[in-house]
Amino acid sequence: MKKFGLFLLVAVVATAITAASMENATALPAFNKQFAKTYKDSKVAASAKAAKCNLCHVDKKKKTERNEYGAALSKFVTKDDYKELKSDPDKLAAKIEEAFEEAGKVKSSSGKTFAEKMEAGELPAAE
């Protein structure tokens, strides 16, 4: 009976961990999908597709670490915004689109705005 109780406890903890991590993972496809749609005909499209998550995140680091472009975007779309809008894909897409527009106006460490870098075919952040 003790073994069954231990098994049950492990199963419940594993389920809770899986459920908690699922919400974090769902935000990423929304951003990638919207970026691909918004910039599909731009010079940066192929590079962004190859960069995948590293468009906003730092390569080989925890996904909580964003590069300078990801940090700029997070100022315009918060976790609370995402949680509030995730049930309405059209409103979420509009909010992300607005964040792209606003983050594009922010200057990167290179001195160019993120929009200027993307118009030149460069990834917005170099990390």
C-alpha atoms as a PDB file:
ATOM      1  CA  MET A   1       0.000   0.000   0.000  1.00  0.00           C
ATOM      2  CA  LYS A   2       2.895   2.370   0.772  1.00  0.00           C
ATOM      3  CA  LYS A   3       4.313   1.830  -2.705  1.00  0.00           C
ATOM      4  CA  PHE A   4       0.968   2.705  -4.283  1.00  0.00           C
ATOM      5  CA  GLY A   5       0.732   5.880  -2.186  1.00  0.00           C
ATOM      6  CA  LEU A   6       4.256   6.910  -3.238  1.00  0.00           C
ATOM      7  CA  PHE A   7       3.424   6.160  -6.867  1.00  0.00           C
ATOM      8  CA  LEU A   8       0.258   8.238  -6.614  1.00  0.00           C
ATOM      9  CA  LEU A   9       2.156  11.157  -5.032  1.00  0.00           C
ATOM     10  CA  VAL A  10       4.801  11.084  -7.781  1.00  0.00           C
ATOM     11  CA  ALA A  11       2.088  10.970 -10.461  1.00  0.00           C
ATOM     12  CA  VAL A  12       0.275  13.973  -8.959  1.00  0.00           C
ATOM     13  CA  VAL A  13       3.496  16.019  -8.689  1.00  0.00           C
ATOM     14  CA  ALA A  14       4.497  15.136 -12.270  1.00  0.00           C
ATOM     15  CA  THR A  15       1.054  16.143 -13.538  1.00  0.00           C
ATOM     16  CA  ALA A  16       1.201  19.447 -11.660  1.00  0.00           C
ATOM     17  CA  ILE A  17       4.649  20.257 -13.054  1.00  0.00           C
ATOM     18  CA  THR A  18       3.535  19.425 -16.588  1.00  0.00           C
ATOM     19  CA  ALA A  19       0.392  21.541 -16.276  1.00  0.00           C
ATOM     20  CA  ALA A  20       2.332  24.508 -14.887  1.00  0.00           C
ATOM     21  CA  SER A  21       4.873  24.414 -17.702  1.00  0.00           C
ATOM     22  CA  MET A  22       2.251  24.180 -20.462  1.00  0.00           C
ATOM     23  CA  GLU A  23       1.024  27.766 -20.058  1.00  0.00           C
ATOM     24  CA  ASN A  24       4.527  29.189 -20.467  1.00  0.00           C
ATOM     25  CA  ALA A  25       5.080  27.221 -23.642  1.00  0.00           C
ATOM     26  CA  THR A  26       1.868  28.387 -25.263  1.00  0.00           C
ATOM     27  CA  ALA A  27       2.946  32.030 -25.371  1.00  0.00           C
ATOM     28  CA  LEU A  28       5.898  31.356 -27.640  1.00  0.00           C
ATOM     29  CA  PRO A  29       4.026  30.036 -30.660  1.00  0.00           C
ATOM     30  CA  ALA A  30       1.710  33.062 -30.582  1.00  0.00           C
ATOM     31  CA  PHE A  31       4.666  35.433 -30.884  1.00  0.00           C
ATOM     32  CA  ASN A  32       6.505  33.359 -33.494  1.00  0.00           C
ATOM     33  CA  LYS A  33       3.345  32.859 -35.533  1.00  0.00           C
ATOM     34  CA  GLN A  34       2.508  36.566 -35.477  1.00  0.00           C
ATOM     35  CA  PHE A  35       6.092  37.589 -36.268  1.00  0.00           C
ATOM     36  CA  ALA A  36       6.158  35.237 -39.271  1.00  0.00           C
ATOM     37  CA  LYS A  37       2.842  36.649 -40.484  1.00  0.00           C
ATOM     38  CA  THR A  38       3.776  40.303 -39.931  1.00  0.00           C
ATOM     39  CA  TYR A  39       7.244  40.125 -41.456  1.00  0.00           C
ATOM     40  CA  LYS A  40       6.653  37.386 -44.073  1.00  0.00           C
ATOM     41  CA  ASP A  41       7.653  39.628 -46.993  1.00  0.00           C
ATOM     42  CA  SER A  42      10.498  41.431 -45.252  1.00  0.00           C
ATOM     43  CA  LYS A  43      14.252  41.039 -45.577  1.00  0.00           C
ATOM     44  CA  VAL A  44      14.443  39.625 -42.048  1.00  0.00           C
ATOM     45  CA  ALA A  45      11.912  36.812 -42.593  1.00  0.00           C
ATOM     46  CA  ALA A  46      14.388  34.019 -43.407  1.00  0.00           C
ATOM     47  CA  SER A  47      16.787  34.954 -40.615  1.00  0.00           C
ATOM     48  CA  ALA A  48      13.945  35.187 -38.103  1.00  0.00           C
ATOM     49  CA  LYS A  49      12.628  31.781 -39.165  1.00  0.00           C
ATOM     50  CA  ALA A  50      16.074  30.278 -38.639  1.00  0.00           C
ATOM     51  CA  ALA A  51      16.525  32.049 -35.285  1.00  0.00           C
ATOM     52  CA  LYS A  52      13.234  30.607 -33.955  1.00  0.00           C
ATOM     53  CA  CYS A  53      13.058  31.273 -30.207  1.00  0.00           C
ATOM     54  CA  ASN A  54      16.325  33.181 -30.282  1.00  0.00           C
ATOM     55  CA  LEU A  55      14.575  36.015 -32.028  1.00  0.00           C
ATOM     56  CA  CYS A  56      13.575  37.114 -28.507  1.00  0.00           C
ATOM     57  CA  HIS A  57      15.515  34.805 -26.192  1.00  0.00           C
ATOM     58  CA  VAL A  58      19.221  34.291 -25.463  1.00  0.00           C
ATOM     59  CA  ASP A  59      20.640  31.156 -27.065  1.00  0.00           C
ATOM     60  CA  LYS A  60      21.492  28.317 -24.649  1.00  0.00           C
ATOM     61  CA  LYS A  61      20.064  30.166 -21.653  1.00  0.00           C
ATOM     62  CA  LYS A  62      16.835  29.750 -19.723  1.00  0.00           C
ATOM     63  CA  LYS A  63      13.854  30.915 -21.746  1.00  0.00           C
ATOM     64  CA  THR A  64      13.187  33.508 -19.064  1.00  0.00           C
ATOM     65  CA  GLU A  65      16.278  35.345 -20.332  1.00  0.00           C
ATOM     66  CA  ARG A  66      15.376  37.619 -23.215  1.00  0.00           C
ATOM     67  CA  ASN A  67      17.720  39.405 -25.549  1.00  0.00           C
ATOM     68  CA  GLU A  68      17.334  43.152 -26.004  1.00  0.00           C
ATOM     69  CA  TYR A  69      14.547  42.761 -28.566  1.00  0.00           C
ATOM     70  CA  GLY A  70      12.659  40.305 -26.365  1.00  0.00           C
ATOM     71  CA  ALA A  71      13.058  42.679 -23.417  1.00  0.00           C
ATOM     72  CA  ALA A  72      11.649  45.530 -25.504  1.00  0.00           C
ATOM     73  CA  LEU A  73       8.659  43.436 -26.600  1.00  0.00           C
ATOM     74  CA  SER A  74       7.940  42.376 -23.031  1.00  0.00           C
ATOM     75  CA  LYS A  75       7.390  46.014 -22.098  1.00  0.00           C
ATOM     76  CA  PHE A  76       4.474  46.174 -24.530  1.00  0.00           C
ATOM     77  CA  VAL A  77       2.965  42.698 -24.000  1.00  0.00           C
ATOM     78  CA  THR A  78       3.031  41.485 -20.417  1.00  0.00           C
ATOM     79  CA  LYS A  79       2.222  38.066 -19.002  1.00  0.00           C
ATOM     80  CA  ASP A  80      -1.023  39.557 -17.715  1.00  0.00           C
ATOM     81  CA  ASP A  81      -1.887  40.782 -21.223  1.00  0.00           C
ATOM     82  CA  TYR A  82      -1.237  37.315 -22.572  1.00  0.00           C
ATOM     83  CA  LYS A  83      -3.326  35.601 -19.886  1.00  0.00           C
ATOM     84  CA  GLU A  84      -6.190  38.032 -20.470  1.00  0.00           C
ATOM     85  CA  LEU A  85      -6.161  37.752 -24.265  1.00  0.00           C
ATOM     86  CA  LYS A  86      -5.142  34.140 -24.929  1.00  0.00           C
ATOM     87  CA  SER A  87      -8.770  33.035 -25.203  1.00  0.00           C
ATOM     88  CA  ASP A  88      -9.309  35.528 -28.056  1.00  0.00           C
ATOM     89  CA  PRO A  89      -6.664  34.870 -30.731  1.00  0.00           C
ATOM     90  CA  ASP A  90      -7.621  37.958 -32.769  1.00  0.00           C
ATOM     91  CA  LYS A  91      -7.207  40.318 -29.826  1.00  0.00           C
ATOM     92  CA  LEU A  92      -3.964  38.599 -28.809  1.00  0.00           C
ATOM     93  CA  ALA A  93      -2.613  38.938 -32.359  1.00  0.00           C
ATOM     94  CA  ALA A  94      -3.543  42.641 -32.395  1.00  0.00           C
ATOM     95  CA  LYS A  95      -1.778  43.186 -29.054  1.00  0.00           C
ATOM     96  CA  ILE A  96       1.348  41.399 -30.275  1.00  0.00           C
ATOM     97  CA  GLU A  97       1.222  43.378 -33.527  1.00  0.00           C
ATOM     98  CA  GLU A  98       1.032  46.596 -31.498  1.00  0.00           C
ATOM     99  CA  ALA A  99       4.037  45.420 -29.456  1.00  0.00           C
ATOM    100  CA  PHE A 100       6.030  44.805 -32.658  1.00  0.00           C
ATOM    101  CA  GLU A 101       5.233  48.354 -33.769  1.00  0.00           C
ATOM    102  CA  GLU A 102       6.200  49.926 -30.438  1.00  0.00           C
ATOM    103  CA  ALA A 103       9.303  47.773 -29.900  1.00  0.00           C
ATOM    104  CA  GLY A 104      10.395  48.634 -33.437  1.00  0.00           C
ATOM    105  CA  LYS A 105      10.759  52.260 -32.328  1.00  0.00           C
ATOM    106  CA  VAL A 106      13.167  51.328 -29.520  1.00  0.00           C
ATOM    107  CA  LYS A 107      16.894  51.803 -30.166  1.00  0.00           C
ATOM    108  CA  SER A 108      19.035  48.714 -29.948  1.00  0.00           C
ATOM    109  CA  SER A 109      22.551  48.655 -28.531  1.00  0.00           C
ATOM    110  CA  SER A 110      23.812  49.190 -32.104  1.00  0.00           C
ATOM    111  CA  GLY A 111      22.184  52.633 -32.147  1.00  0.00           C
ATOM    112  CA  LYS A 112      19.624  51.664 -34.772  1.00  0.00           C
ATOM    113  CA  THR A 113      16.002  51.052 -33.894  1.00  0.00           C
ATOM    114  CA  PHE A 114      14.849  47.455 -34.042  1.00  0.00           C
ATOM    115  CA  ALA A 115      12.673  48.369 -37.046  1.00  0.00           C
ATOM    116  CA  GLU A 116      15.673  49.845 -38.882  1.00  0.00           C
ATOM    117  CA  LYS A 117      17.676  46.686 -38.254  1.00  0.00           C
ATOM    118  CA  MET A 118      14.873  44.458 -39.548  1.00  0.00           C
ATOM    119  CA  GLU A 119      14.328  46.660 -42.617  1.00  0.00           C
ATOM    120  CA  ALA A 120      18.025  46.127 -43.393  1.00  0.00           C
ATOM    121  CA  GLY A 121      17.544  42.365 -43.118  1.00  0.00           C
ATOM    122  CA  GLU A 122      19.271  42.072 -39.736  1.00  0.00           C
ATOM    123  CA  LEU A 123      17.860  40.242 -36.754  1.00  0.00           C
ATOM    124  CA  PRO A 124      16.689  42.790 -34.198  1.00  0.00           C
ATOM    125  CA  ALA A 125      19.029  41.480 -31.484  1.00  0.00           C
ATOM    126  CA  ALA A 126      22.476  40.050 -32.070  1.00  0.00           C
ATOM    127  CA  GLU A 127      22.644  37.617 -29.117  1.00  0.00           C
END
